[in-house]
């Protein structure tokens, strides 16, 4: 894999024009564009279409968590508009996760698109405590058919030990010398990869830098 195939650009902004500007500028170093709640609330499906038109794989990080039927319907819509990765909150349990996986697959199939992958969010990286619920949530991710999990670098080894084939997507990445902000369990890119991370989610460390392109280039070299 090239470095860019392991890097997701977190576009945590509330303006589609700014998101497109950043995505265009940083396209050489990132394979995935992460559309989170803030950008999706501001621009909706248009944000996903904009990132697809720029050549990105789209990581839709909206952490669906509701009754199974609602999650299935929402996931079906998102699958039909071309997301490649979609987050479901593992706190919803195995039945809800399975409904999300099935809806996502149905939506993509109906639209004639490649099969997307569902990711179960285990424990939010803003939470300082590590919890015994990790094992249960990873097990639910496996049983429900999720392709991977979202977890902190500190939890990757435990998750991979339980389910080696799951994709491990790790947010909270901060190169040396970059503030942790609200991340309780930050990690450098190298440390996360050494723990077994497959995809690193990078946001403010690059988008908030004085020279985002230079920051992205330095990070890609490290990866």
C-alpha atoms as a PDB file:
ATOM      1  CA  UNK A   1       0.000   0.000   0.000  1.00  0.00           C
ATOM      2  CA  UNK A   2       1.109   3.538  -0.676  1.00  0.00           C
ATOM      3  CA  UNK A   3       1.187   5.924   2.266  1.00  0.00           C
ATOM      4  CA  UNK A   4      -1.847   7.799   0.947  1.00  0.00           C
ATOM      5  CA  UNK A   5      -3.917   4.596   1.006  1.00  0.00           C
ATOM      6  CA  UNK A   6      -3.430   4.504   4.778  1.00  0.00           C
ATOM      7  CA  UNK A   7      -4.300   8.139   5.446  1.00  0.00           C
ATOM      8  CA  UNK A   8      -7.763   9.661   5.926  1.00  0.00           C
ATOM      9  CA  UNK A   9      -8.128  13.442   5.869  1.00  0.00           C
ATOM     10  CA  UNK A  10     -10.581  14.584   8.560  1.00  0.00           C
ATOM     11  CA  UNK A  11     -12.487  17.528   7.101  1.00  0.00           C
ATOM     12  CA  UNK A  12     -13.955  18.755  10.377  1.00  0.00           C
ATOM     13  CA  UNK A  13     -15.260  22.067   9.088  1.00  0.00           C
ATOM     14  CA  UNK A  14     -18.760  23.482   8.701  1.00  0.00           C
ATOM     15  CA  UNK A  15     -18.351  24.890   5.199  1.00  0.00           C
ATOM     16  CA  UNK A  16     -18.254  22.838   1.999  1.00  0.00           C
ATOM     17  CA  UNK A  17     -16.220  25.441   0.108  1.00  0.00           C
ATOM     18  CA  UNK A  18     -13.486  25.274   2.753  1.00  0.00           C
ATOM     19  CA  UNK A  19     -13.668  21.484   2.815  1.00  0.00           C
ATOM     20  CA  UNK A  20     -13.204  21.319  -0.963  1.00  0.00           C
ATOM     21  CA  UNK A  21     -10.300  23.776  -0.785  1.00  0.00           C
ATOM     22  CA  UNK A  22      -8.515  21.642   1.806  1.00  0.00           C
ATOM     23  CA  UNK A  23      -9.325  18.408   0.008  1.00  0.00           C
ATOM     24  CA  UNK A  24      -7.937  19.735  -3.283  1.00  0.00           C
ATOM     25  CA  UNK A  25      -4.773  21.035  -1.612  1.00  0.00           C
ATOM     26  CA  UNK A  26      -4.074  17.808   0.270  1.00  0.00           C
ATOM     27  CA  UNK A  27      -5.163  15.238  -2.330  1.00  0.00           C
ATOM     28  CA  UNK A  28      -1.570  14.111  -3.118  1.00  0.00           C
ATOM     29  CA  UNK A  29      -1.133  12.733   0.408  1.00  0.00           C
ATOM     30  CA  UNK A  30      -4.546  11.325   1.359  1.00  0.00           C
ATOM     31  CA  UNK A  31      -6.589   8.508  -0.141  1.00  0.00           C
ATOM     32  CA  UNK A  32      -9.656   8.933   2.083  1.00  0.00           C
ATOM     33  CA  UNK A  33     -11.688  12.047   2.845  1.00  0.00           C
ATOM     34  CA  UNK A  34     -13.533  11.824   6.148  1.00  0.00           C
ATOM     35  CA  UNK A  35     -16.904  13.564   6.167  1.00  0.00           C
ATOM     36  CA  UNK A  36     -17.918  13.802   9.805  1.00  0.00           C
ATOM     37  CA  UNK A  37     -20.986  15.095  11.606  1.00  0.00           C
ATOM     38  CA  UNK A  38     -20.009  18.752  11.329  1.00  0.00           C
ATOM     39  CA  UNK A  39     -19.524  18.797   7.565  1.00  0.00           C
ATOM     40  CA  UNK A  40     -22.411  16.400   6.926  1.00  0.00           C
ATOM     41  CA  UNK A  41     -24.710  18.614   9.022  1.00  0.00           C
ATOM     42  CA  UNK A  42     -23.636  21.631   6.976  1.00  0.00           C
ATOM     43  CA  UNK A  43     -23.718  20.145   3.486  1.00  0.00           C
ATOM     44  CA  UNK A  44     -25.302  16.679   3.664  1.00  0.00           C
ATOM     45  CA  UNK A  45     -24.886  14.246   0.747  1.00  0.00           C
ATOM     46  CA  UNK A  46     -23.413  17.053  -1.359  1.00  0.00           C
ATOM     47  CA  UNK A  47     -20.231  16.770   0.719  1.00  0.00           C
ATOM     48  CA  UNK A  48     -19.920  13.095  -0.186  1.00  0.00           C
ATOM     49  CA  UNK A  49     -20.434  13.824  -3.880  1.00  0.00           C
ATOM     50  CA  UNK A  50     -17.844  16.615  -3.776  1.00  0.00           C
ATOM     51  CA  UNK A  51     -15.188  14.329  -2.285  1.00  0.00           C
ATOM     52  CA  UNK A  52     -15.965  11.560  -4.773  1.00  0.00           C
ATOM     53  CA  UNK A  53     -15.580  14.045  -7.640  1.00  0.00           C
ATOM     54  CA  UNK A  54     -12.094  14.895  -6.349  1.00  0.00           C
ATOM     55  CA  UNK A  55     -11.103  11.238  -6.535  1.00  0.00           C
ATOM     56  CA  UNK A  56     -11.235  10.398  -2.845  1.00  0.00           C
ATOM     57  CA  UNK A  57     -12.593   7.291  -1.221  1.00  0.00           C
ATOM     58  CA  UNK A  58     -15.227   8.661   1.154  1.00  0.00           C
ATOM     59  CA  UNK A  59     -15.167   7.830   4.857  1.00  0.00           C
ATOM     60  CA  UNK A  60     -18.568   8.882   6.217  1.00  0.00           C
ATOM     61  CA  UNK A  61     -18.114   9.221   9.965  1.00  0.00           C
ATOM     62  CA  UNK A  62     -21.605   9.863  11.323  1.00  0.00           C
ATOM     63  CA  UNK A  63     -21.597   7.076  13.945  1.00  0.00           C
ATOM     64  CA  UNK A  64     -25.124   5.825  13.336  1.00  0.00           C
ATOM     65  CA  UNK A  65     -26.786   4.789  16.612  1.00  0.00           C
ATOM     66  CA  UNK A  66     -30.540   4.265  16.748  1.00  0.00           C
ATOM     67  CA  UNK A  67     -33.071   1.444  16.566  1.00  0.00           C
ATOM     68  CA  UNK A  68     -32.034  -1.191  13.996  1.00  0.00           C
ATOM     69  CA  UNK A  69     -34.686  -0.299  11.420  1.00  0.00           C
ATOM     70  CA  UNK A  70     -33.696   3.380  11.423  1.00  0.00           C
ATOM     71  CA  UNK A  71     -30.004   2.559  11.164  1.00  0.00           C
ATOM     72  CA  UNK A  72     -30.674   0.153   8.320  1.00  0.00           C
ATOM     73  CA  UNK A  73     -32.580   2.805   6.375  1.00  0.00           C
ATOM     74  CA  UNK A  74     -29.984   5.511   6.919  1.00  0.00           C
ATOM     75  CA  UNK A  75     -27.149   3.150   6.001  1.00  0.00           C
ATOM     76  CA  UNK A  76     -29.014   2.121   2.839  1.00  0.00           C
ATOM     77  CA  UNK A  77     -29.222   5.744   1.725  1.00  0.00           C
ATOM     78  CA  UNK A  78     -25.540   6.363   2.450  1.00  0.00           C
ATOM     79  CA  UNK A  79     -24.553   3.202   0.608  1.00  0.00           C
ATOM     80  CA  UNK A  80     -26.532   4.321  -2.431  1.00  0.00           C
ATOM     81  CA  UNK A  81     -24.701   7.662  -2.691  1.00  0.00           C
ATOM     82  CA  UNK A  82     -21.240   6.186  -2.733  1.00  0.00           C
ATOM     83  CA  UNK A  83     -19.631   6.117   0.700  1.00  0.00           C
ATOM     84  CA  UNK A  84     -16.738   3.677   0.978  1.00  0.00           C
ATOM     85  CA  UNK A  85     -16.514   3.504   4.775  1.00  0.00           C
ATOM     86  CA  UNK A  86     -19.371   4.167   7.207  1.00  0.00           C
ATOM     87  CA  UNK A  87     -19.220   4.286  10.995  1.00  0.00           C
ATOM     88  CA  UNK A  88     -21.839   2.664  13.225  1.00  0.00           C
ATOM     89  CA  UNK A  89     -21.606   3.053  16.998  1.00  0.00           C
ATOM     90  CA  UNK A  90     -20.906  -0.342  18.555  1.00  0.00           C
ATOM     91  CA  UNK A  91     -22.771   0.731  21.701  1.00  0.00           C
ATOM     92  CA  UNK A  92     -25.927  -0.010  19.693  1.00  0.00           C
ATOM     93  CA  UNK A  93     -25.223  -3.735  19.918  1.00  0.00           C
ATOM     94  CA  UNK A  94     -24.927  -6.599  17.471  1.00  0.00           C
ATOM     95  CA  UNK A  95     -28.467  -6.447  16.079  1.00  0.00           C
ATOM     96  CA  UNK A  96     -28.184  -2.752  15.271  1.00  0.00           C
ATOM     97  CA  UNK A  97     -24.717  -3.194  13.765  1.00  0.00           C
ATOM     98  CA  UNK A  98     -25.963  -6.038  11.568  1.00  0.00           C
ATOM     99  CA  UNK A  99     -28.874  -3.888  10.364  1.00  0.00           C
ATOM    100  CA  UNK A 100     -26.404  -1.143   9.424  1.00  0.00           C
ATOM    101  CA  UNK A 101     -24.151  -3.558   7.550  1.00  0.00           C
ATOM    102  CA  UNK A 102     -27.091  -5.011   5.621  1.00  0.00           C
ATOM    103  CA  UNK A 103     -28.560  -1.614   4.783  1.00  0.00           C
ATOM    104  CA  UNK A 104     -25.212  -0.294   3.601  1.00  0.00           C
ATOM    105  CA  UNK A 105     -24.723  -3.288   1.316  1.00  0.00           C
ATOM    106  CA  UNK A 106     -28.277  -3.088  -0.042  1.00  0.00           C
ATOM    107  CA  UNK A 107     -27.913   0.595  -0.891  1.00  0.00           C
ATOM    108  CA  UNK A 108     -24.672   0.113  -2.780  1.00  0.00           C
ATOM    109  CA  UNK A 109     -25.968  -2.922  -4.670  1.00  0.00           C
ATOM    110  CA  UNK A 110     -29.131  -1.086  -5.726  1.00  0.00           C
ATOM    111  CA  UNK A 111     -27.013   1.771  -7.092  1.00  0.00           C
ATOM    112  CA  UNK A 112     -24.574  -0.566  -8.856  1.00  0.00           C
ATOM    113  CA  UNK A 113     -21.664   0.557  -6.679  1.00  0.00           C
ATOM    114  CA  UNK A 114     -18.777  -1.452  -5.192  1.00  0.00           C
ATOM    115  CA  UNK A 115     -19.450  -2.920  -1.754  1.00  0.00           C
ATOM    116  CA  UNK A 116     -18.667  -0.383   0.999  1.00  0.00           C
ATOM    117  CA  UNK A 117     -17.369  -1.332   4.439  1.00  0.00           C
ATOM    118  CA  UNK A 118     -18.985  -0.710   7.823  1.00  0.00           C
ATOM    119  CA  UNK A 119     -16.815   0.215  10.794  1.00  0.00           C
ATOM    120  CA  UNK A 120     -17.884  -0.254  14.414  1.00  0.00           C
ATOM    121  CA  UNK A 121     -16.836   2.620  16.660  1.00  0.00           C
ATOM    122  CA  UNK A 122     -15.681   1.016  19.910  1.00  0.00           C
ATOM    123  CA  UNK A 123     -14.732   3.660  22.507  1.00  0.00           C
ATOM    124  CA  UNK A 124     -14.567   7.350  21.618  1.00  0.00           C
ATOM    125  CA  UNK A 125     -11.000   8.665  21.703  1.00  0.00           C
ATOM    126  CA  UNK A 126     -12.080  11.605  23.869  1.00  0.00           C
ATOM    127  CA  UNK A 127     -12.788   9.138  26.690  1.00  0.00           C
ATOM    128  CA  UNK A 128      -9.819   8.836  29.006  1.00  0.00           C
ATOM    129  CA  UNK A 129     -10.870   5.548  30.575  1.00  0.00           C
ATOM    130  CA  UNK A 130     -10.150   2.209  28.963  1.00  0.00           C
ATOM    131  CA  UNK A 131     -13.032  -0.152  29.429  1.00  0.00           C
ATOM    132  CA  UNK A 132     -13.795  -3.854  29.520  1.00  0.00           C
ATOM    133  CA  UNK A 133     -16.546  -3.139  26.989  1.00  0.00           C
ATOM    134  CA  UNK A 134     -13.906  -3.145  24.224  1.00  0.00           C
ATOM    135  CA  UNK A 135     -13.901  -6.953  24.016  1.00  0.00           C
ATOM    136  CA  UNK A 136     -17.690  -7.094  23.816  1.00  0.00           C
ATOM    137  CA  UNK A 137     -17.894  -4.402  21.153  1.00  0.00           C
ATOM    138  CA  UNK A 138     -15.200  -5.988  18.994  1.00  0.00           C
ATOM    139  CA  UNK A 139     -17.042  -9.309  19.260  1.00  0.00           C
ATOM    140  CA  UNK A 140     -20.274  -7.595  18.186  1.00  0.00           C
ATOM    141  CA  UNK A 141     -18.438  -6.058  15.221  1.00  0.00           C
ATOM    142  CA  UNK A 142     -17.284  -9.491  14.094  1.00  0.00           C
ATOM    143  CA  UNK A 143     -20.651 -11.199  14.580  1.00  0.00           C
ATOM    144  CA  UNK A 144     -22.546  -8.443  12.770  1.00  0.00           C
ATOM    145  CA  UNK A 145     -20.323  -8.542   9.688  1.00  0.00           C
ATOM    146  CA  UNK A 146     -18.547  -5.214  10.143  1.00  0.00           C
ATOM    147  CA  UNK A 147     -15.334  -4.960   8.133  1.00  0.00           C
ATOM    148  CA  UNK A 148     -13.441  -3.087  10.818  1.00  0.00           C
ATOM    149  CA  UNK A 149     -13.396  -1.053  13.991  1.00  0.00           C
ATOM    150  CA  UNK A 150     -12.527   2.488  14.924  1.00  0.00           C
ATOM    151  CA  UNK A 151     -10.419   2.598  18.074  1.00  0.00           C
ATOM    152  CA  UNK A 152      -7.536   4.438  19.693  1.00  0.00           C
ATOM    153  CA  UNK A 153      -3.971   3.323  19.054  1.00  0.00           C
ATOM    154  CA  UNK A 154      -3.888   2.030  22.629  1.00  0.00           C
ATOM    155  CA  UNK A 155      -6.672  -0.459  21.802  1.00  0.00           C
ATOM    156  CA  UNK A 156      -5.482  -1.741  18.422  1.00  0.00           C
ATOM    157  CA  UNK A 157      -3.477  -4.697  19.737  1.00  0.00           C
ATOM    158  CA  UNK A 158      -6.373  -5.887  21.894  1.00  0.00           C
ATOM    159  CA  UNK A 159      -8.824  -5.528  18.997  1.00  0.00           C
ATOM    160  CA  UNK A 160      -6.534  -7.351  16.565  1.00  0.00           C
ATOM    161  CA  UNK A 161      -5.929 -10.118  19.072  1.00  0.00           C
ATOM    162  CA  UNK A 162      -9.672 -10.739  19.200  1.00  0.00           C
ATOM    163  CA  UNK A 163     -10.263 -10.264  15.469  1.00  0.00           C
ATOM    164  CA  UNK A 164      -7.053 -10.181  13.387  1.00  0.00           C
ATOM    165  CA  UNK A 165      -8.861  -9.670  10.078  1.00  0.00           C
ATOM    166  CA  UNK A 166     -10.737  -6.533  11.105  1.00  0.00           C
ATOM    167  CA  UNK A 167      -9.556  -3.260   9.618  1.00  0.00           C
ATOM    168  CA  UNK A 168      -8.270  -0.980  12.406  1.00  0.00           C
ATOM    169  CA  UNK A 169      -8.990   2.702  11.781  1.00  0.00           C
ATOM    170  CA  UNK A 170      -7.275   4.990  14.288  1.00  0.00           C
ATOM    171  CA  UNK A 171      -8.154   8.643  14.932  1.00  0.00           C
ATOM    172  CA  UNK A 172      -6.369  10.929  17.392  1.00  0.00           C
ATOM    173  CA  UNK A 173      -3.124  10.899  15.395  1.00  0.00           C
ATOM    174  CA  UNK A 174      -0.677  13.636  16.350  1.00  0.00           C
ATOM    175  CA  UNK A 175       2.910  13.920  15.058  1.00  0.00           C
ATOM    176  CA  UNK A 176       5.570  14.790  17.631  1.00  0.00           C
ATOM    177  CA  UNK A 177       5.162  18.329  18.939  1.00  0.00           C
ATOM    178  CA  UNK A 178       1.517  18.759  17.839  1.00  0.00           C
ATOM    179  CA  UNK A 179      -1.021  19.502  20.644  1.00  0.00           C
ATOM    180  CA  UNK A 180      -3.371  16.661  21.621  1.00  0.00           C
ATOM    181  CA  UNK A 181      -6.420  19.012  21.679  1.00  0.00           C
ATOM    182  CA  UNK A 182      -9.397  16.994  23.002  1.00  0.00           C
ATOM    183  CA  UNK A 183      -7.871  13.572  22.347  1.00  0.00           C
ATOM    184  CA  UNK A 184      -7.340  11.600  25.558  1.00  0.00           C
ATOM    185  CA  UNK A 185      -5.294   8.865  23.863  1.00  0.00           C
ATOM    186  CA  UNK A 186      -3.302  10.494  21.036  1.00  0.00           C
ATOM    187  CA  UNK A 187      -0.525   8.662  19.202  1.00  0.00           C
ATOM    188  CA  UNK A 188       2.143   9.487  16.669  1.00  0.00           C
ATOM    189  CA  UNK A 189       1.705   7.968  13.204  1.00  0.00           C
ATOM    190  CA  UNK A 190       4.630   5.596  13.719  1.00  0.00           C
ATOM    191  CA  UNK A 191       3.391   4.456  17.132  1.00  0.00           C
ATOM    192  CA  UNK A 192      -0.090   3.742  15.754  1.00  0.00           C
ATOM    193  CA  UNK A 193       1.293   1.762  12.828  1.00  0.00           C
ATOM    194  CA  UNK A 194       3.563  -0.203  15.148  1.00  0.00           C
ATOM    195  CA  UNK A 195       0.479  -1.162  17.163  1.00  0.00           C
ATOM    196  CA  UNK A 196      -1.144  -2.546  14.003  1.00  0.00           C
ATOM    197  CA  UNK A 197      -3.274   0.357  12.708  1.00  0.00           C
ATOM    198  CA  UNK A 198      -4.377   0.044   9.078  1.00  0.00           C
ATOM    199  CA  UNK A 199      -5.765   3.539   8.411  1.00  0.00           C
ATOM    200  CA  UNK A 200      -4.772   6.716  10.270  1.00  0.00           C
ATOM    201  CA  UNK A 201      -7.230   9.603  10.580  1.00  0.00           C
ATOM    202  CA  UNK A 202      -5.494  12.988  10.441  1.00  0.00           C
ATOM    203  CA  UNK A 203      -7.271  16.286  10.981  1.00  0.00           C
ATOM    204  CA  UNK A 204      -6.094  19.335  12.855  1.00  0.00           C
ATOM    205  CA  UNK A 205      -2.454  18.234  12.809  1.00  0.00           C
ATOM    206  CA  UNK A 206      -2.550  19.036   9.078  1.00  0.00           C
ATOM    207  CA  UNK A 207      -5.584  21.232   8.437  1.00  0.00           C
ATOM    208  CA  UNK A 208      -4.669  23.529  11.329  1.00  0.00           C
ATOM    209  CA  UNK A 209      -0.988  23.807  10.392  1.00  0.00           C
ATOM    210  CA  UNK A 210       0.508  27.060   9.113  1.00  0.00           C
ATOM    211  CA  UNK A 211       1.451  25.173   5.931  1.00  0.00           C
ATOM    212  CA  UNK A 212      -0.972  22.240   5.533  1.00  0.00           C
ATOM    213  CA  UNK A 213       0.751  20.853   2.434  1.00  0.00           C
ATOM    214  CA  UNK A 214       4.162  20.788   4.120  1.00  0.00           C
ATOM    215  CA  UNK A 215       2.663  19.187   7.229  1.00  0.00           C
ATOM    216  CA  UNK A 216       0.949  16.516   5.094  1.00  0.00           C
ATOM    217  CA  UNK A 217       4.140  15.784   3.151  1.00  0.00           C
ATOM    218  CA  UNK A 218       6.138  15.370   6.369  1.00  0.00           C
ATOM    219  CA  UNK A 219       3.501  13.072   7.818  1.00  0.00           C
ATOM    220  CA  UNK A 220       3.370  10.936   4.679  1.00  0.00           C
ATOM    221  CA  UNK A 221       7.143  10.528   4.774  1.00  0.00           C
ATOM    222  CA  UNK A 222       6.861   9.272   8.344  1.00  0.00           C
ATOM    223  CA  UNK A 223       4.179   6.779   7.342  1.00  0.00           C
END
